C-alpha atoms as a PDB file:
ATOM      1  CA  MET A   1     223.950 -12.922 -40.423  1.00  0.00           C
ATOM      2  CA  CYS A   2     227.347 -11.394 -41.085  1.00  0.00           C
ATOM      3  CA  ARG A   3     229.262  -8.339 -42.252  1.00  0.00           C
ATOM      4  CA  HIS A   4     231.886  -8.573 -44.968  1.00  0.00           C
ATOM      5  CA  PHE A   5     233.947  -6.537 -47.429  1.00  0.00           C
ATOM      6  CA  THR A   6     236.360  -6.821 -50.346  1.00  0.00           C
ATOM      7  CA  TRP A   7     239.157  -4.478 -51.310  1.00  0.00           C
ATOM      8  CA  THR A   8     240.711  -4.427 -54.795  1.00  0.00           C
ATOM      9  CA  GLY A   9     243.308  -1.793 -55.552  1.00  0.00           C
ATOM     10  CA  THR A  10     246.700  -0.599 -54.392  1.00  0.00           C
ATOM     11  CA  PRO A  11     248.200  -2.829 -51.705  1.00  0.00           C
ATOM     12  CA  LYS A  12     246.957  -2.104 -48.185  1.00  0.00           C
ATOM     13  CA  THR A  13     247.716  -3.762 -44.882  1.00  0.00           C
ATOM     14  CA  LEU A  14     244.986  -5.670 -43.101  1.00  0.00           C
ATOM     15  CA  HIS A  15     245.374  -3.117 -40.314  1.00  0.00           C
ATOM     16  CA  GLU A  16     244.459  -0.310 -42.719  1.00  0.00           C
ATOM     17  CA  LEU A  17     241.371  -2.174 -43.885  1.00  0.00           C
ATOM     18  CA  PHE A  18     240.141  -3.589 -40.563  1.00  0.00           C
ATOM     19  CA  PHE A  19     241.237  -1.205 -37.823  1.00  0.00           C
ATOM     20  CA  GLU A  20     241.794   2.255 -39.317  1.00  0.00           C
ATOM     21  CA  PRO A  21     238.243   2.914 -40.649  1.00  0.00           C
ATOM     22  CA  SER A  22     236.067   4.678 -38.078  1.00  0.00           C
ATOM     23  CA  TYR A  23     233.351   2.038 -38.522  1.00  0.00           C
ATOM     24  CA  GLY A  24     235.241  -0.962 -39.884  1.00  0.00           C
ATOM     25  CA  LEU A  25     234.534  -4.617 -39.183  1.00  0.00           C
ATOM     26  CA  PRO A  26     235.490  -4.563 -35.477  1.00  0.00           C
ATOM     27  CA  HIS A  27     232.783  -1.922 -34.927  1.00  0.00           C
ATOM     28  CA  GLN A  28     230.292  -3.593 -37.253  1.00  0.00           C
ATOM     29  CA  ALA A  29     230.780  -6.870 -35.395  1.00  0.00           C
ATOM     30  CA  ARG A  30     229.582  -5.317 -32.127  1.00  0.00           C
ATOM     31  CA  VAL A  31     227.003  -2.808 -33.352  1.00  0.00           C
ATOM     32  CA  PRO A  32     226.159  -3.139 -37.054  1.00  0.00           C
ATOM     33  CA  ARG A  33     224.222  -0.216 -38.442  1.00  0.00           C
ATOM     34  CA  TRP A  34     222.735  -1.769 -41.588  1.00  0.00           C
ATOM     35  CA  GLN A  35     222.370  -5.405 -40.539  1.00  0.00           C
ATOM     36  CA  GLN A  36     218.810  -6.647 -40.978  1.00  0.00           C
ATOM     37  CA  ILE A  37     218.962  -9.922 -39.021  1.00  0.00           C
ATOM     38  CA  GLY A  38     220.874 -10.310 -35.767  1.00  0.00           C
ATOM     39  CA  LEU A  39     222.372  -7.719 -33.448  1.00  0.00           C
ATOM     40  CA  VAL A  40     225.955  -8.858 -32.924  1.00  0.00           C
ATOM     41  CA  ASN A  41     228.532 -10.811 -34.944  1.00  0.00           C
ATOM     42  CA  LYS A  42     230.345 -12.742 -32.222  1.00  0.00           C
ATOM     43  CA  ASP A  43     230.785 -16.221 -33.708  1.00  0.00           C
ATOM     44  CA  GLY A  44     234.190 -15.638 -35.267  1.00  0.00           C
ATOM     45  CA  PHE A  45     235.785 -13.800 -38.151  1.00  0.00           C
ATOM     46  CA  GLY A  46     238.220 -14.293 -40.965  1.00  0.00           C
ATOM     47  CA  THR A  47     240.140 -12.686 -43.759  1.00  0.00           C
ATOM     48  CA  GLY A  48     241.732 -13.776 -46.998  1.00  0.00           C
ATOM     49  CA  TRP A  49     244.373 -12.108 -49.112  1.00  0.00           C
ATOM     50  CA  TYR A  50     246.491 -12.793 -52.171  1.00  0.00           C
ATOM     51  CA  ARG A  51     250.213 -13.371 -52.395  1.00  0.00           C
ATOM     52  CA  ALA A  52     252.440 -12.199 -55.238  1.00  0.00           C
ATOM     53  CA  ASP A  53     252.049 -15.575 -56.995  1.00  0.00           C
ATOM     54  CA  GLY A  54     248.247 -15.204 -57.067  1.00  0.00           C
ATOM     55  CA  SER A  55     247.510 -17.821 -54.422  1.00  0.00           C
ATOM     56  CA  ALA A  56     245.070 -17.085 -51.619  1.00  0.00           C
ATOM     57  CA  SER A  57     245.869 -17.237 -47.902  1.00  0.00           C
ATOM     58  CA  VAL A  58     243.318 -17.179 -45.098  1.00  0.00           C
ATOM     59  CA  PHE A  59     243.151 -16.470 -41.378  1.00  0.00           C
ATOM     60  CA  ARG A  60     240.014 -17.713 -39.596  1.00  0.00           C
ATOM     61  CA  THR A  61     238.942 -18.191 -36.017  1.00  0.00           C
ATOM     62  CA  ALA A  62     235.783 -18.813 -33.995  1.00  0.00           C
ATOM     63  CA  VAL A  63     236.876 -16.130 -31.501  1.00  0.00           C
ATOM     64  CA  PRO A  64     235.045 -12.765 -31.658  1.00  0.00           C
ATOM     65  CA  ILE A  65     237.151 -10.171 -33.427  1.00  0.00           C
ATOM     66  CA  TRP A  66     237.281  -7.997 -30.298  1.00  0.00           C
ATOM     67  CA  ASP A  67     238.749 -10.878 -28.229  1.00  0.00           C
ATOM     68  CA  ASP A  68     241.385 -12.138 -30.655  1.00  0.00           C
ATOM     69  CA  VAL A  69     244.914 -11.269 -29.526  1.00  0.00           C
ATOM     70  CA  ALA A  70     246.861 -12.626 -32.511  1.00  0.00           C
ATOM     71  CA  PHE A  71     245.176 -10.838 -35.391  1.00  0.00           C
ATOM     72  CA  PRO A  72     246.178  -7.201 -34.667  1.00  0.00           C
ATOM     73  CA  ALA A  73     249.880  -8.051 -34.996  1.00  0.00           C
ATOM     74  CA  LEU A  74     249.307 -10.120 -38.136  1.00  0.00           C
ATOM     75  CA  ALA A  75     247.206  -7.312 -39.600  1.00  0.00           C
ATOM     76  CA  ARG A  76     250.185  -4.934 -39.484  1.00  0.00           C
ATOM     77  CA  GLU A  77     252.418  -7.416 -41.298  1.00  0.00           C
ATOM     78  CA  VAL A  78     250.173  -8.556 -44.162  1.00  0.00           C
ATOM     79  CA  SER A  79     249.633  -6.335 -47.186  1.00  0.00           C
ATOM     80  CA  SER A  80     247.763  -7.191 -50.380  1.00  0.00           C
ATOM     81  CA  SER A  81     246.031  -5.627 -53.364  1.00  0.00           C
ATOM     82  CA  CYS A  82     243.004  -7.873 -52.854  1.00  0.00           C
ATOM     83  CA  VAL A  83     241.495  -8.664 -49.467  1.00  0.00           C
ATOM     84  CA  LEU A  84     238.225 -10.175 -48.240  1.00  0.00           C
ATOM     85  CA  GLY A  85     237.170  -9.795 -44.600  1.00  0.00           C
ATOM     86  CA  ALA A  86     234.146 -11.121 -42.707  1.00  0.00           C
ATOM     87  CA  VAL A  87     232.654 -11.297 -39.214  1.00  0.00           C
ATOM     88  CA  ARG A  88     230.053 -13.954 -38.404  1.00  0.00           C
ATOM     89  CA  ALA A  89     226.761 -14.328 -36.607  1.00  0.00           C
ATOM     90  CA  ALA A  90     225.945 -18.011 -37.047  1.00  0.00           C
ATOM     91  CA  SER A  91     222.483 -18.999 -38.241  1.00  0.00           C
ATOM     92  CA  PRO A  92     220.477 -21.152 -35.784  1.00  0.00           C
ATOM     93  CA  GLY A  93     221.734 -24.726 -35.787  1.00  0.00           C
ATOM     94  CA  MET A  94     225.002 -23.942 -37.554  1.00  0.00           C
ATOM     95  CA  PRO A  95     228.287 -24.977 -35.862  1.00  0.00           C
ATOM     96  CA  ILE A  96     230.533 -22.474 -34.098  1.00  0.00           C
ATOM     97  CA  GLU A  97     233.929 -23.538 -35.407  1.00  0.00           C
ATOM     98  CA  GLU A  98     236.867 -22.121 -37.317  1.00  0.00           C
ATOM     99  CA  ALA A  99     236.008 -24.039 -40.492  1.00  0.00           C
ATOM    100  CA  ALA A 100     232.532 -22.473 -40.576  1.00  0.00           C
ATOM    101  CA  ASN A 101     233.930 -18.947 -40.828  1.00  0.00           C
ATOM    102  CA  ALA A 102     234.475 -17.106 -44.082  1.00  0.00           C
ATOM    103  CA  PRO A 103     236.359 -16.685 -46.212  1.00  0.00           C
ATOM    104  CA  PHE A 104     236.247 -20.121 -47.777  1.00  0.00           C
ATOM    105  CA  THR A 105     238.867 -20.874 -50.409  1.00  0.00           C
ATOM    106  CA  ASP A 106     239.826 -23.379 -53.065  1.00  0.00           C
ATOM    107  CA  GLY A 107     243.334 -21.916 -53.125  1.00  0.00           C
ATOM    108  CA  ARG A 108     242.552 -19.502 -55.945  1.00  0.00           C
ATOM    109  CA  HIS A 109     239.207 -17.943 -55.001  1.00  0.00           C
ATOM    110  CA  LEU A 110     237.633 -16.596 -51.814  1.00  0.00           C
ATOM    111  CA  LEU A 111     233.956 -16.583 -50.842  1.00  0.00           C
ATOM    112  CA  SER A 112     231.893 -15.103 -48.025  1.00  0.00           C
ATOM    113  CA  LEU A 113     228.130 -15.314 -47.488  1.00  0.00           C
ATOM    114  CA  ASN A 114     226.023 -12.828 -45.581  1.00  0.00           C
ATOM    115  CA  GLY A 115     222.818 -14.822 -45.482  1.00  0.00           C
ATOM    116  CA  HIS A 116     221.429 -18.328 -45.284  1.00  0.00           C
ATOM    117  CA  LEU A 117     220.060 -21.156 -47.433  1.00  0.00           C
ATOM    118  CA  ASP A 118     218.326 -24.477 -46.899  1.00  0.00           C
ATOM    119  CA  VAL A 119     220.818 -27.257 -47.613  1.00  0.00           C
ATOM    120  CA  GLY A 120     218.001 -29.786 -47.340  1.00  0.00           C
ATOM    121  CA  LYS A 121     216.324 -28.286 -50.404  1.00  0.00           C
ATOM    122  CA  THR A 122     219.477 -27.676 -52.425  1.00  0.00           C
ATOM    123  CA  GLY A 123     221.868 -30.438 -51.373  1.00  0.00           C
ATOM    124  CA  PHE A 124     221.486 -32.456 -54.559  1.00  0.00           C
ATOM    125  CA  LEU A 125     223.221 -29.637 -56.489  1.00  0.00           C
ATOM    126  CA  LEU A 126     226.563 -30.754 -55.046  1.00  0.00           C
ATOM    127  CA  THR A 127     228.313 -33.533 -56.949  1.00  0.00           C
ATOM    128  CA  PRO A 128     228.406 -36.739 -54.857  1.00  0.00           C
ATOM    129  CA  GLY A 129     231.755 -37.216 -53.176  1.00  0.00           C
ATOM    130  CA  ARG A 130     232.725 -33.550 -53.201  1.00  0.00           C
ATOM    131  CA  GLU A 131     233.727 -32.451 -49.716  1.00  0.00           C
ATOM    132  CA  GLN A 132     232.984 -29.146 -48.009  1.00  0.00           C
ATOM    133  CA  GLU A 133     234.983 -27.471 -45.244  1.00  0.00           C
ATOM    134  CA  SER A 134     232.145 -27.518 -42.703  1.00  0.00           C
ATOM    135  CA  VAL A 135     228.554 -28.708 -42.460  1.00  0.00           C
ATOM    136  CA  CYS A 136     227.370 -25.081 -42.362  1.00  0.00           C
ATOM    137  CA  ASP A 137     225.347 -23.646 -45.240  1.00  0.00           C
ATOM    138  CA  SER A 138     228.082 -21.173 -46.231  1.00  0.00           C
ATOM    139  CA  ALA A 139     230.632 -23.962 -46.699  1.00  0.00           C
ATOM    140  CA  PHE A 140     228.100 -25.858 -48.795  1.00  0.00           C
ATOM    141  CA  LEU A 141     227.631 -22.752 -50.957  1.00  0.00           C
ATOM    142  CA  ALA A 142     231.401 -22.448 -51.377  1.00  0.00           C
ATOM    143  CA  ALA A 143     231.656 -26.057 -52.540  1.00  0.00           C
ATOM    144  CA  LEU A 144     228.955 -25.347 -55.132  1.00  0.00           C
ATOM    145  CA  LEU A 145     230.866 -22.298 -56.364  1.00  0.00           C
ATOM    146  CA  TRP A 146     234.149 -24.194 -56.691  1.00  0.00           C
ATOM    147  CA  GLN A 147     232.264 -26.832 -58.657  1.00  0.00           C
ATOM    148  CA  ARG A 148     231.069 -24.235 -61.155  1.00  0.00           C
ATOM    149  CA  LEU A 149     234.451 -22.547 -61.437  1.00  0.00           C
ATOM    150  CA  GLU A 150     236.166 -25.870 -62.110  1.00  0.00           C
ATOM    151  CA  SER A 151     233.792 -26.374 -65.036  1.00  0.00           C
ATOM    152  CA  GLY A 152     235.294 -23.274 -66.673  1.00  0.00           C
ATOM    153  CA  GLN A 153     232.738 -20.609 -65.803  1.00  0.00           C
ATOM    154  CA  ALA A 154     233.951 -17.051 -65.297  1.00  0.00           C
ATOM    155  CA  LEU A 155     233.576 -15.800 -61.721  1.00  0.00           C
ATOM    156  CA  PRO A 156     230.686 -13.360 -62.379  1.00  0.00           C
ATOM    157  CA  ASP A 157     228.767 -15.991 -64.350  1.00  0.00           C
ATOM    158  CA  ALA A 158     229.419 -18.659 -61.723  1.00  0.00           C
ATOM    159  CA  VAL A 159     228.202 -16.453 -58.860  1.00  0.00           C
ATOM    160  CA  GLU A 160     225.104 -15.262 -60.701  1.00  0.00           C
ATOM    161  CA  GLY A 161     224.160 -18.715 -61.943  1.00  0.00           C
ATOM    162  CA  LEU A 162     224.657 -20.194 -58.485  1.00  0.00           C
ATOM    163  CA  LEU A 163     222.313 -17.637 -56.954  1.00  0.00           C
ATOM    164  CA  TYR A 164     219.562 -18.513 -59.432  1.00  0.00           C
ATOM    165  CA  SER A 165     220.008 -22.236 -58.848  1.00  0.00           C
ATOM    166  CA  ILE A 166     219.681 -21.787 -55.088  1.00  0.00           C
ATOM    167  CA  VAL A 167     216.758 -19.361 -55.077  1.00  0.00           C
ATOM    168  CA  ASP A 168     214.785 -21.417 -57.595  1.00  0.00           C
ATOM    169  CA  LEU A 169     214.830 -24.241 -55.026  1.00  0.00           C
ATOM    170  CA  ASP A 170     214.798 -22.144 -51.832  1.00  0.00           C
ATOM    171  CA  PRO A 171     212.830 -18.890 -52.341  1.00  0.00           C
ATOM    172  CA  ASN A 172     213.472 -17.851 -48.727  1.00  0.00           C
ATOM    173  CA  ALA A 173     217.249 -17.908 -49.139  1.00  0.00           C
ATOM    174  CA  CYS A 174     219.196 -14.764 -48.307  1.00  0.00           C
ATOM    175  CA  LEU A 175     222.215 -14.648 -50.598  1.00  0.00           C
ATOM    176  CA  ASN A 176     224.494 -11.647 -50.254  1.00  0.00           C
ATOM    177  CA  MET A 177     227.681 -13.187 -51.564  1.00  0.00           C
ATOM    178  CA  LEU A 178     231.153 -11.711 -51.977  1.00  0.00           C
ATOM    179  CA  ALA A 179     233.670 -13.640 -54.063  1.00  0.00           C
ATOM    180  CA  THR A 180     237.028 -12.752 -55.546  1.00  0.00           C
ATOM    181  CA  ASP A 181     239.788 -14.244 -57.685  1.00  0.00           C
ATOM    182  CA  GLY A 182     242.465 -11.765 -56.660  1.00  0.00           C
ATOM    183  CA  THR A 183     241.813  -9.244 -59.422  1.00  0.00           C
ATOM    184  CA  GLN A 184     238.063  -8.689 -59.325  1.00  0.00           C
ATOM    185  CA  ALA A 185     235.352  -8.912 -56.688  1.00  0.00           C
ATOM    186  CA  VAL A 186     231.811 -10.095 -57.410  1.00  0.00           C
ATOM    187  CA  GLY A 187     228.978  -9.360 -54.993  1.00  0.00           C
ATOM    188  CA  THR A 188     225.247  -9.997 -54.905  1.00  0.00           C
ATOM    189  CA  THR A 189     222.420  -8.326 -53.036  1.00  0.00           C
ATOM    190  CA  TRP A 190     219.606 -10.730 -52.289  1.00  0.00           C
ATOM    191  CA  ALA A 191     217.638  -9.737 -49.164  1.00  0.00           C
ATOM    192  CA  GLU A 192     220.558  -8.002 -47.401  1.00  0.00           C
ATOM    193  CA  THR A 193     222.586  -4.800 -47.788  1.00  0.00           C
ATOM    194  CA  LEU A 194     225.671  -3.876 -49.782  1.00  0.00           C
ATOM    195  CA  CYS A 195     227.454  -0.684 -50.829  1.00  0.00           C
ATOM    196  CA  TYR A 196     230.719   0.370 -52.403  1.00  0.00           C
ATOM    197  CA  ARG A 197     233.078   3.303 -52.664  1.00  0.00           C
ATOM    198  CA  GLU A 198     235.434   4.065 -55.524  1.00  0.00           C
ATOM    199  CA  SER A 199     238.670   5.999 -55.035  1.00  0.00           C
ATOM    200  CA  ASP A 200     241.901   6.672 -56.878  1.00  0.00           C
ATOM    201  CA  GLU A 201     243.400   3.744 -54.963  1.00  0.00           C
ATOM    202  CA  GLY A 202     240.730   1.147 -55.681  1.00  0.00           C
ATOM    203  CA  VAL A 203     237.233  -0.069 -54.772  1.00  0.00           C
ATOM    204  CA  LEU A 204     235.862  -1.150 -51.403  1.00  0.00           C
ATOM    205  CA  VAL A 205     232.666  -3.229 -51.501  1.00  0.00           C
ATOM    206  CA  ALA A 206     231.051  -3.752 -48.095  1.00  0.00           C
ATOM    207  CA  SER A 207     227.897  -4.754 -46.241  1.00  0.00           C
ATOM    208  CA  GLU A 208     227.742  -1.206 -44.887  1.00  0.00           C
ATOM    209  CA  PRO A 209     229.908   1.937 -45.018  1.00  0.00           C
ATOM    210  CA  HIS A 210     233.184   1.768 -43.113  1.00  0.00           C
ATOM    211  CA  ASP A 211     232.939   5.457 -42.228  1.00  0.00           C
ATOM    212  CA  ASP A 212     230.597   8.426 -42.544  1.00  0.00           C
ATOM    213  CA  SER A 213     232.430  10.149 -45.378  1.00  0.00           C
ATOM    214  CA  ASP A 214     230.890  10.912 -48.753  1.00  0.00           C
ATOM    215  CA  GLY A 215     231.163   8.653 -51.765  1.00  0.00           C
ATOM    216  CA  TRP A 216     229.432   5.502 -50.576  1.00  0.00           C
ATOM    217  CA  VAL A 217     226.965   4.124 -53.123  1.00  0.00           C
ATOM    218  CA  THR A 218     224.124   1.877 -51.972  1.00  0.00           C
ATOM    219  CA  VAL A 219     223.608  -1.180 -54.159  1.00  0.00           C
ATOM    220  CA  PRO A 220     219.896  -1.894 -54.714  1.00  0.00           C
ATOM    221  CA  ASP A 221     218.501  -5.265 -53.751  1.00  0.00           C
ATOM    222  CA  ARG A 222     218.519  -7.978 -56.439  1.00  0.00           C
ATOM    223  CA  ALA A 223     221.733  -6.729 -58.049  1.00  0.00           C
ATOM    224  CA  LEU A 224     225.156  -8.001 -59.089  1.00  0.00           C
ATOM    225  CA  VAL A 225     228.285  -5.926 -58.426  1.00  0.00           C
ATOM    226  CA  ILE A 226     231.546  -6.477 -60.294  1.00  0.00           C
ATOM    227  CA  ALA A 227     234.492  -4.442 -59.029  1.00  0.00           C
ATOM    228  CA  ASP A 228     238.190  -4.215 -59.721  1.00  0.00           C
ATOM    229  CA  ALA A 229     240.900  -1.685 -59.001  1.00  0.00           C
ATOM    230  CA  LEU A 230     239.520   0.704 -61.628  1.00  0.00           C
ATOM    231  CA  GLY A 231     235.837   0.830 -60.706  1.00  0.00           C
ATOM    232  CA  ALA A 232     232.558  -0.945 -60.050  1.00  0.00           C
ATOM    233  CA  GLU A 233     229.671  -2.002 -62.280  1.00  0.00           C
ATOM    234  CA  VAL A 234     226.162  -2.758 -61.000  1.00  0.00           C
ATOM    235  CA  ARG A 235     223.525  -4.633 -62.950  1.00  0.00           C
ATOM    236  CA  PRO A 236     220.130  -6.067 -61.967  1.00  0.00           C
ATOM    237  CA  LEU A 237     219.578  -9.733 -61.266  1.00  0.00           C
ATOM    238  CA  ARG A 238     216.683 -11.707 -62.691  1.00  0.00           C
ATOM    239  CA  PRO A 239     213.650 -11.539 -60.356  1.00  0.00           C
ATOM    240  CA  ILE A 240     212.455 -14.785 -58.762  1.00  0.00           C
ATOM    241  CA  LEU A 241     208.794 -15.174 -57.849  1.00  0.00           C
ATOM    242  CA  ASP A 242     208.144 -15.746 -54.127  1.00  0.00           C
ATOM    243  CA  ALA A 243     211.742 -14.892 -53.206  1.00  0.00           C
ATOM    244  CA  ALA A 244     212.434 -13.312 -49.842  1.00  0.00           C
ATOM    245  CA  LEU A 245     212.344  -9.533 -49.709  1.00  0.00           C
ATOM    246  CA  PRO A 246     214.711  -7.423 -47.599  1.00  0.00           C
ATOM    247  CA  ARG A 247     213.572  -5.589 -44.500  1.00  0.00           C
ATOM    248  CA  GLU A 248     214.360  -1.890 -44.382  1.00  0.00           C
ATOM    249  CA  PRO A 249     216.990  -1.114 -41.717  1.00  0.00           C
ATOM    250  CA  THR A 250     215.750   1.094 -38.885  1.00  0.00           C
ATOM    251  CA  SER A 251     218.603   3.565 -39.372  1.00  0.00           C
ATOM    252  CA  ARG A 252     221.615   3.958 -41.573  1.00  0.00           C
ATOM    253  CA  PRO A 253     224.124   6.634 -42.560  1.00  0.00           C
ATOM    254  CA  THR A 254     223.310   8.438 -45.781  1.00  0.00           C
ATOM    255  CA  ALA A 255     224.591   6.863 -48.970  1.00  0.00           C
ATOM    256  CA  ASN A 256     223.772   7.430 -52.599  1.00  0.00           C
ATOM    257  CA  SER A 257     221.836   4.781 -54.497  1.00  0.00           C
ATOM    258  CA  LYS A 258     222.784   3.407 -57.879  1.00  0.00           C
ATOM    259  CA  THR A 259     220.992   1.152 -60.319  1.00  0.00           C
END
């Protein structure tokens, strides 16, 4: 599985978002506190951010975040009002390669998946001839999302509808997605964890709290989160019979719950 986050708000450097929090992604990669499957996220990491013209840029590598020597310097130079970050623990059988690391992008949107799905059961959903960045399940999911967005669907509708399409075919899928278009972030909880914290500067949505301070709100399972610089909204997702249920983490820092 993976850990990921989105920030929407006042511009922050990647260093502020990755390295300054007392339990940010570099810590979560080594010793995640809420992660329900897997113990370490060592199969690479990535981040995406938005330029002034609204286009998305990405940095991805198959190197563990604690071993990468280039990213700390880059992180001090890059600042953005919308950022997505992710560290990866590859599912069994998935390739360990740069192209398999989130975030995936179509140039305008970013997507990360904390979870897994069966491409064998869902592959026919992808239009023939459409290419994906990697053979991994997350890249396949990204290609499906771009397909929906190109048809004119709004980002929240595209993410929610995609989740239903996948889970209807693969009830054991774990689909904690984070997607953004540069102004809003859309997340799902489907058999994994998610939380958020609102501040005067913006909203951070994350797999688990980035520190032990107050204000973190736990998102219940089977929910959709829509966040922008002004706040976050949580609403329930439609239940699916026989869908996978989350396992309760053995320990976690205290956070409020919200439905």
